[in-house]
Amino acid sequence: MKKPTGYIPTLDGWRACAILAVIFNHVAPSPNVLAKLPHWFLWAKAGCGEKGVQLFFAISGFLITSRLMEEWNGFGGISLKRFYVRRVFRILPPAMTYLMVIGSLGLAGFLSINWRCWLSAACFYRNYMPVYSSGLDTHYWSLSLEEQFYLIWPALLVLSGLYRSRYTAITLISSVILWRWIAYHHIWGVALRLGEFWRRSDICFDGLLFGCLMALALESPLLKRWLSRYLTVGVIAIILVLILATGGHTNTPSARTVQSALMPFLILATILNPHTWLGRLLEFSAIRWVGRLSYSLYIWQQLFVFHRLIPWVSLQLLALFGVVVLSFYGIEKPMMRLGYRLAPPPSLGHNDLGATPR
């Protein structure tokens, strides 16, 4: 029987990288500053938000699958009931609090709310709604996609079994890649290619599935040793170059496939080699703290940074972190603890449960 692995090193650090990329993409400098920025900087800024979300997807798929396999190895099975109880107490309290706040501000006349989109965010099907509304709930597309994924993948893992599940993951990944190519080239028009097309679960599930596959692959001691040896910092640099080269404003089936496939290798490289300089950097206490706040940061940044409720970037960020600290310590952590009491997880590594762009 395998013992619980507990905390997964560098995962909080990668969460921090993901959320900072999203916030960086949404921060809008003043027109005077914007005009002085070099072209390459603006290109990187425009593409980093999507890459941050893709990194979140890779983290989520890897983490959830690792925890489910840990439960299987330790107890001979997976309790879907306990899994979903923990998910509810992890995801819903911060997400619903944010929606209630913007809904109240909308009813009071301070914000313009598209109530149809607001409802889709509350019911987690925002990724099948038009992208552009008031912008206040647009980021719930990724939450919706992940929640839909959680309804499917854990059950498939249980039905497939621990060892057949890797073939299930490969089959699903191949199906999503093929369907994305067919849908992009032969069904939907150009008008949708940069819109809601890239938010749909049937188009984007491979972003999570590649992370799941990597977690399943680590069950092989031989492959784990091979990855630990060859996923060096130099390889990470090459992977980052490839990810950057397939990003920006260009959304194509091949570019999305490359990004989805490569993101989990960034995570694996430092999880398997946490004592490299990069691993130590990602484990720096301040970076880990930002990573712990990443879910609340993702939820609330749309109001303060993207919507720009407050003038000046410095004040936006200050207000954002102030509200996020209240959200994390006043809502998120207490509700997570309650979920753990009602449905104890199989591992002591509570702090790294449930990464999301979450």
Protein backbone atom coordinates (compact mmCIF):
# COMPACT_ATOMS: atom_id res chain seq x y z
CA MET A 1 0.00 0.00 0.00
CA LYS A 2 1.37 3.39 -1.00
CA LYS A 3 1.49 6.07 1.63
CA PRO A 4 -0.14 9.44 0.92
CA THR A 5 2.29 11.77 -0.77
CA GLY A 6 1.05 14.95 0.89
CA TYR A 7 2.14 18.30 -0.46
CA ILE A 8 3.19 18.39 -4.13
CA PRO A 9 6.24 20.68 -4.47
CA THR A 10 6.25 23.71 -6.83
CA LEU A 11 2.55 23.38 -7.65
CA ASP A 12 1.66 26.56 -5.77
CA GLY A 13 4.48 28.32 -7.59
CA TRP A 14 3.06 27.35 -10.97
CA ARG A 15 -0.36 28.52 -9.82
CA ALA A 16 1.20 31.89 -9.04
CA CYS A 17 2.71 32.04 -12.54
CA ALA A 18 -0.65 31.22 -14.08
CA ILE A 19 -2.66 33.84 -12.20
CA LEU A 20 -0.02 36.55 -12.63
CA ALA A 21 -0.10 35.89 -16.39
CA VAL A 22 -3.88 36.36 -16.41
CA ILE A 23 -3.72 39.56 -14.35
CA PHE A 24 -0.86 40.90 -16.47
CA ASN A 25 -2.97 40.34 -19.57
CA HIS A 26 -5.91 42.24 -18.07
CA VAL A 27 -3.98 45.19 -16.64
CA ALA A 28 -4.43 48.20 -18.92
CA PRO A 29 -1.70 50.86 -18.73
CA SER A 30 -2.59 54.46 -19.50
CA PRO A 31 -2.64 55.40 -23.24
CA ASN A 32 0.58 57.41 -22.84
CA VAL A 33 2.42 54.44 -21.32
CA LEU A 34 0.85 52.03 -23.81
CA ALA A 35 2.14 54.03 -26.77
CA LYS A 36 5.72 53.74 -25.51
CA LEU A 37 5.73 49.98 -25.00
CA PRO A 38 7.57 47.87 -27.62
CA HIS A 39 5.63 45.67 -30.01
CA TRP A 40 7.02 42.41 -28.61
CA PHE A 41 5.86 43.41 -25.12
CA LEU A 42 2.31 44.05 -26.32
CA TRP A 43 2.32 40.74 -28.22
CA ALA A 44 3.43 38.85 -25.12
CA LYS A 45 0.84 40.64 -22.99
CA ALA A 46 -1.98 39.81 -25.39
CA GLY A 47 -1.18 36.09 -25.37
CA CYS A 48 -0.23 35.49 -21.74
CA GLY A 49 -3.79 35.36 -20.40
CA GLU A 50 -4.68 32.33 -22.50
CA LYS A 51 -1.42 30.65 -21.57
CA GLY A 52 -2.14 31.27 -17.89
CA VAL A 53 -5.50 29.55 -18.21
CA GLN A 54 -3.92 26.67 -20.13
CA LEU A 55 -1.42 26.28 -17.30
CA PHE A 56 -4.29 26.21 -14.80
CA PHE A 57 -5.93 23.46 -16.84
CA ALA A 58 -2.75 21.38 -16.83
CA ILE A 59 -2.42 21.82 -13.06
CA SER A 60 -6.03 20.84 -12.46
CA GLY A 61 -5.93 17.72 -14.60
CA PHE A 62 -2.66 16.57 -13.07
CA LEU A 63 -3.62 17.34 -9.48
CA ILE A 64 -7.11 15.88 -9.47
CA THR A 65 -5.97 12.69 -11.17
CA SER A 66 -3.00 12.35 -8.81
CA ARG A 67 -5.26 12.67 -5.78
CA LEU A 68 -7.82 10.20 -7.14
CA MET A 69 -5.09 7.67 -7.90
CA GLU A 70 -3.62 8.22 -4.47
CA GLU A 71 -6.97 7.32 -2.97
CA TRP A 72 -7.21 4.26 -5.22
CA ASN A 73 -3.74 3.05 -4.28
CA GLY A 74 -4.25 3.68 -0.58
CA PHE A 75 -7.79 2.40 -0.14
CA GLY A 76 -8.49 0.19 -3.15
CA GLY A 77 -11.12 2.47 -4.63
CA ILE A 78 -12.37 6.02 -5.15
CA SER A 79 -15.28 7.61 -3.32
CA LEU A 80 -16.97 9.89 -5.85
CA LYS A 81 -19.29 11.14 -3.13
CA ARG A 82 -16.41 12.43 -0.99
CA PHE A 83 -14.72 13.87 -4.08
CA TYR A 84 -17.76 15.91 -5.04
CA VAL A 85 -18.41 17.08 -1.49
CA ARG A 86 -14.86 18.50 -1.38
CA ARG A 87 -15.33 20.05 -4.84
CA VAL A 88 -18.55 21.78 -3.80
CA PHE A 89 -17.00 23.32 -0.69
CA ARG A 90 -13.84 24.24 -2.63
CA ILE A 91 -15.38 25.84 -5.71
CA LEU A 92 -18.83 27.19 -4.90
CA PRO A 93 -18.36 29.55 -1.91
CA PRO A 94 -15.91 32.05 -3.54
CA ALA A 95 -17.55 31.73 -6.96
CA MET A 96 -21.09 32.33 -5.70
CA THR A 97 -19.95 35.15 -3.38
CA TYR A 98 -18.48 37.04 -6.34
CA LEU A 99 -21.64 36.56 -8.41
CA MET A 100 -23.82 37.75 -5.54
CA VAL A 101 -21.65 40.87 -5.14
CA ILE A 102 -21.75 41.88 -8.80
CA GLY A 103 -25.44 40.93 -8.96
CA SER A 104 -26.20 43.21 -6.00
CA LEU A 105 -24.18 46.04 -7.56
CA GLY A 106 -26.07 45.47 -10.79
CA LEU A 107 -29.47 45.64 -9.09
CA ALA A 108 -28.36 48.82 -7.33
CA GLY A 109 -27.45 50.38 -10.68
CA PHE A 110 -23.68 50.57 -10.14
CA LEU A 111 -22.83 47.93 -12.72
CA SER A 112 -24.30 46.82 -16.02
CA ILE A 113 -25.12 43.12 -15.79
CA ASN A 114 -26.16 40.78 -18.59
CA TRP A 115 -28.43 38.60 -16.49
CA ARG A 116 -28.57 35.80 -19.04
CA CYS A 117 -24.79 35.48 -18.91
CA TRP A 118 -24.82 35.94 -15.12
CA LEU A 119 -27.17 32.96 -14.82
CA SER A 120 -24.98 30.86 -17.11
CA ALA A 121 -22.01 31.66 -14.87
CA ALA A 122 -23.94 30.65 -11.76
CA CYS A 123 -24.98 27.37 -13.38
CA PHE A 124 -21.54 26.70 -14.91
CA TYR A 125 -22.36 26.73 -18.60
CA ARG A 126 -20.81 30.15 -19.30
CA ASN A 127 -18.41 28.59 -21.81
CA TYR A 128 -21.31 27.95 -24.18
CA MET A 129 -22.54 31.55 -24.08
CA PRO A 130 -21.33 34.57 -26.10
CA VAL A 131 -17.91 35.73 -24.91
CA TYR A 132 -18.65 39.44 -24.86
CA SER A 133 -21.18 40.76 -22.39
CA SER A 134 -20.37 43.17 -19.58
CA GLY A 135 -17.08 41.32 -19.06
CA LEU A 136 -17.80 40.84 -15.37
CA ASP A 137 -18.59 37.14 -15.68
CA THR A 138 -16.66 36.26 -18.84
CA HIS A 139 -13.90 34.52 -16.89
CA TYR A 140 -16.41 31.97 -15.60
CA TRP A 141 -16.03 30.16 -18.92
CA SER A 142 -12.98 28.36 -17.52
CA LEU A 143 -14.71 27.54 -14.24
CA SER A 144 -17.62 26.14 -16.23
CA LEU A 145 -15.32 24.03 -18.38
CA GLU A 146 -13.56 22.58 -15.34
CA GLU A 147 -16.79 21.82 -13.51
CA GLN A 148 -18.12 20.02 -16.57
CA PHE A 149 -14.85 18.10 -16.72
CA TYR A 150 -15.17 17.06 -13.07
CA LEU A 151 -18.57 15.57 -13.82
CA ILE A 152 -17.04 13.30 -16.46
CA TRP A 153 -13.42 12.39 -15.73
CA PRO A 154 -13.59 10.98 -12.16
CA ALA A 155 -16.45 8.67 -13.18
CA LEU A 156 -14.51 7.51 -16.25
CA LEU A 157 -11.46 6.88 -14.06
CA VAL A 158 -13.53 4.69 -11.75
CA LEU A 159 -15.17 2.81 -14.63
CA SER A 160 -11.91 2.33 -16.57
CA GLY A 161 -9.82 1.24 -13.62
CA LEU A 162 -6.43 2.53 -12.63
CA TYR A 163 -4.43 1.02 -15.49
CA ARG A 164 -6.94 1.12 -18.36
CA SER A 165 -7.64 4.77 -17.61
CA ARG A 166 -4.47 5.89 -19.44
CA TYR A 167 -5.90 4.41 -22.65
CA THR A 168 -9.18 6.15 -21.89
CA ALA A 169 -7.30 9.44 -21.55
CA ILE A 170 -5.42 8.90 -24.83
CA THR A 171 -8.67 8.06 -26.62
CA LEU A 172 -10.38 11.18 -25.29
CA ILE A 173 -7.41 13.40 -26.15
CA SER A 174 -7.29 12.05 -29.69
CA SER A 175 -11.04 12.51 -30.08
CA VAL A 176 -10.93 16.14 -28.89
CA ILE A 177 -7.99 16.98 -31.18
CA LEU A 178 -9.69 15.40 -34.20
CA TRP A 179 -13.04 17.02 -33.44
CA ARG A 180 -11.41 20.44 -32.93
CA TRP A 181 -9.72 20.22 -36.34
CA ILE A 182 -12.96 19.16 -38.08
CA ALA A 183 -15.04 21.80 -36.30
CA TYR A 184 -12.52 24.57 -36.99
CA HIS A 185 -12.03 23.84 -40.67
CA HIS A 186 -15.35 22.41 -41.84
CA ILE A 187 -18.23 23.41 -39.54
CA TRP A 188 -17.92 26.82 -37.89
CA GLY A 189 -16.98 29.99 -39.74
CA VAL A 190 -14.09 32.37 -39.18
CA ALA A 191 -16.26 34.67 -37.07
CA LEU A 192 -16.40 32.12 -34.27
CA ARG A 193 -12.77 31.10 -34.29
CA LEU A 194 -11.64 33.83 -31.89
CA GLY A 195 -14.86 33.82 -29.88
CA GLU A 196 -16.82 31.21 -28.01
CA PHE A 197 -15.39 28.42 -30.17
CA TRP A 198 -12.25 28.41 -27.98
CA ARG A 199 -14.27 28.25 -24.76
CA ARG A 200 -16.28 25.11 -25.45
CA SER A 201 -15.61 21.95 -23.44
CA ASP A 202 -15.64 19.71 -26.52
CA ILE A 203 -12.94 21.94 -28.04
CA CYS A 204 -10.75 22.48 -24.95
CA PHE A 205 -10.98 19.35 -22.79
CA ASP A 206 -7.55 18.16 -23.90
CA GLY A 207 -6.00 20.99 -21.87
CA LEU A 208 -7.03 19.09 -18.75
CA LEU A 209 -6.71 15.59 -20.20
CA PHE A 210 -3.00 15.96 -20.98
CA GLY A 211 -2.45 16.77 -17.29
CA CYS A 212 -4.48 13.70 -16.36
CA LEU A 213 -2.40 11.55 -18.70
CA MET A 214 0.85 12.81 -17.15
CA ALA A 215 -0.38 11.89 -13.68
CA LEU A 216 -1.33 8.43 -14.92
CA ALA A 217 2.04 8.04 -16.66
CA LEU A 218 3.90 8.65 -13.39
CA GLU A 219 2.45 5.39 -12.09
CA SER A 220 5.21 3.75 -14.14
CA PRO A 221 8.46 3.86 -12.08
CA LEU A 222 10.55 3.51 -15.25
CA LEU A 223 8.88 6.44 -16.99
CA LYS A 224 9.02 8.50 -13.82
CA ARG A 225 12.80 7.96 -13.56
CA TRP A 226 13.24 8.81 -17.25
CA LEU A 227 11.24 12.03 -16.96
CA SER A 228 13.10 12.99 -13.79
CA ARG A 229 16.42 12.60 -15.60
CA TYR A 230 15.61 14.39 -18.85
CA LEU A 231 13.19 17.17 -17.83
CA THR A 232 15.96 19.62 -17.00
CA VAL A 233 15.83 23.40 -16.73
CA GLY A 234 17.21 23.57 -20.28
CA VAL A 235 14.32 21.45 -21.54
CA ILE A 236 11.89 23.75 -19.69
CA ALA A 237 13.40 26.71 -21.57
CA ILE A 238 12.80 24.96 -24.90
CA ILE A 239 9.22 24.14 -23.91
CA LEU A 240 8.59 27.77 -22.95
CA VAL A 241 9.89 28.95 -26.33
CA LEU A 242 7.57 26.53 -28.13
CA ILE A 243 4.60 27.65 -26.03
CA LEU A 244 5.34 31.31 -26.71
CA ALA A 245 5.79 30.62 -30.42
CA THR A 246 2.31 29.09 -30.66
CA GLY A 247 0.44 31.77 -28.72
CA GLY A 248 -0.40 35.40 -29.21
CA HIS A 249 -3.67 36.14 -30.96
CA THR A 250 -3.48 33.07 -33.24
CA ASN A 251 -5.87 30.33 -32.20
CA THR A 252 -5.50 27.30 -34.42
CA PRO A 253 -6.08 23.60 -33.73
CA SER A 254 -2.36 22.78 -34.04
CA ALA A 255 -1.25 25.64 -31.77
CA ARG A 256 -3.80 24.69 -29.11
CA THR A 257 -2.70 21.05 -29.27
CA VAL A 258 0.97 21.98 -28.84
CA GLN A 259 0.21 24.21 -25.84
CA SER A 260 -2.07 21.64 -24.20
CA ALA A 261 0.50 18.87 -24.65
CA LEU A 262 3.50 20.87 -23.43
CA MET A 263 2.06 22.60 -20.35
CA PRO A 264 2.09 19.48 -18.13
CA PHE A 265 5.80 18.97 -18.81
CA LEU A 266 6.57 22.33 -17.19
CA ILE A 267 4.84 21.15 -14.04
CA LEU A 268 6.41 17.68 -14.09
CA ALA A 269 9.91 19.06 -14.52
CA THR A 270 9.88 20.87 -11.19
CA ILE A 271 7.71 18.37 -9.32
CA LEU A 272 10.23 15.64 -10.12
CA ASN A 273 13.24 17.95 -9.61
CA PRO A 274 12.21 20.48 -6.94
CA HIS A 275 15.80 21.15 -5.85
CA THR A 276 16.86 22.92 -9.05
CA TRP A 277 17.14 26.71 -8.95
CA LEU A 278 13.77 26.95 -10.71
CA GLY A 279 12.15 24.57 -8.25
CA ARG A 280 13.54 26.55 -5.30
CA LEU A 281 12.27 29.78 -6.88
CA LEU A 282 8.76 28.36 -7.27
CA GLU A 283 8.87 27.25 -3.63
CA PHE A 284 9.75 30.75 -2.41
CA SER A 285 7.26 31.63 0.34
CA ALA A 286 5.87 34.79 -1.30
CA ILE A 287 5.30 32.99 -4.60
CA ARG A 288 3.65 30.07 -2.86
CA TRP A 289 1.37 32.50 -1.02
CA VAL A 290 0.24 34.08 -4.29
CA GLY A 291 -0.36 30.57 -5.61
CA ARG A 292 -2.57 29.77 -2.63
CA LEU A 293 -4.58 32.91 -3.37
CA SER A 294 -4.81 32.12 -7.09
CA TYR A 295 -8.42 30.92 -7.12
CA SER A 296 -9.74 33.98 -5.29
CA LEU A 297 -7.45 36.19 -7.41
CA TYR A 298 -8.91 34.70 -10.57
CA ILE A 299 -12.46 35.17 -9.34
CA TRP A 300 -12.11 38.81 -8.26
CA GLN A 301 -9.58 40.21 -10.76
CA GLN A 302 -12.30 40.66 -13.39
CA LEU A 303 -14.02 43.31 -11.27
CA PHE A 304 -10.95 45.32 -10.29
CA VAL A 305 -8.49 44.88 -13.16
CA PHE A 306 -10.39 43.86 -16.28
CA HIS A 307 -13.51 45.94 -15.62
CA ARG A 308 -11.39 48.73 -14.10
CA LEU A 309 -13.89 49.72 -11.44
CA ILE A 310 -11.13 51.82 -9.84
CA PRO A 311 -8.79 54.21 -11.71
CA TRP A 312 -5.00 53.68 -11.80
CA VAL A 313 -3.42 50.27 -11.97
CA SER A 314 -1.71 50.55 -8.59
CA LEU A 315 -5.02 51.17 -6.80
CA GLN A 316 -6.68 48.39 -8.77
CA LEU A 317 -4.08 45.87 -7.66
CA LEU A 318 -4.13 47.11 -4.07
CA ALA A 319 -7.91 46.81 -3.88
CA LEU A 320 -7.81 43.42 -5.61
CA PHE A 321 -5.35 41.91 -3.14
CA GLY A 322 -7.25 43.41 -0.20
CA VAL A 323 -10.53 41.81 -1.26
CA VAL A 324 -8.80 38.54 -2.17
CA VAL A 325 -7.19 38.22 1.26
CA LEU A 326 -10.63 38.66 2.83
CA SER A 327 -12.10 36.13 0.41
CA PHE A 328 -9.37 33.55 0.97
CA TYR A 329 -9.13 33.71 4.75
CA GLY A 330 -12.77 34.55 5.43
CA ILE A 331 -14.55 32.32 2.91
CA GLU A 332 -12.31 29.98 0.95
CA LYS A 333 -10.20 28.40 3.72
CA PRO A 334 -13.04 27.97 6.27
CA MET A 335 -15.26 26.32 3.67
CA MET A 336 -12.43 24.07 2.49
CA ARG A 337 -11.86 22.95 6.08
CA LEU A 338 -15.58 22.18 6.40
CA GLY A 339 -15.44 20.14 3.22
CA TYR A 340 -12.46 18.21 4.58
CA ARG A 341 -14.32 17.47 7.80
CA LEU A 342 -17.38 16.22 5.94
CA ALA A 343 -15.36 14.25 3.37
CA PRO A 344 -11.79 13.64 4.59
CA PRO A 345 -9.31 13.46 1.69
CA PRO A 346 -6.89 10.54 1.39
CA SER A 347 -3.85 12.81 1.70
CA LEU A 348 -2.45 15.30 4.17
CA GLY A 349 -1.62 17.68 1.30
CA HIS A 350 -4.78 19.74 1.71
CA ASN A 351 -3.30 23.01 0.51
CA ASP A 352 -2.70 21.78 -3.02
CA LEU A 353 -6.19 20.36 -3.54
CA GLY A 354 -8.19 21.92 -6.29
CA ALA A 355 -6.12 24.17 -8.54
CA THR A 356 -8.45 26.13 -10.79
CA PRO A 357 -8.59 29.22 -12.92
CA ARG A 358 -10.04 27.99 -11.42
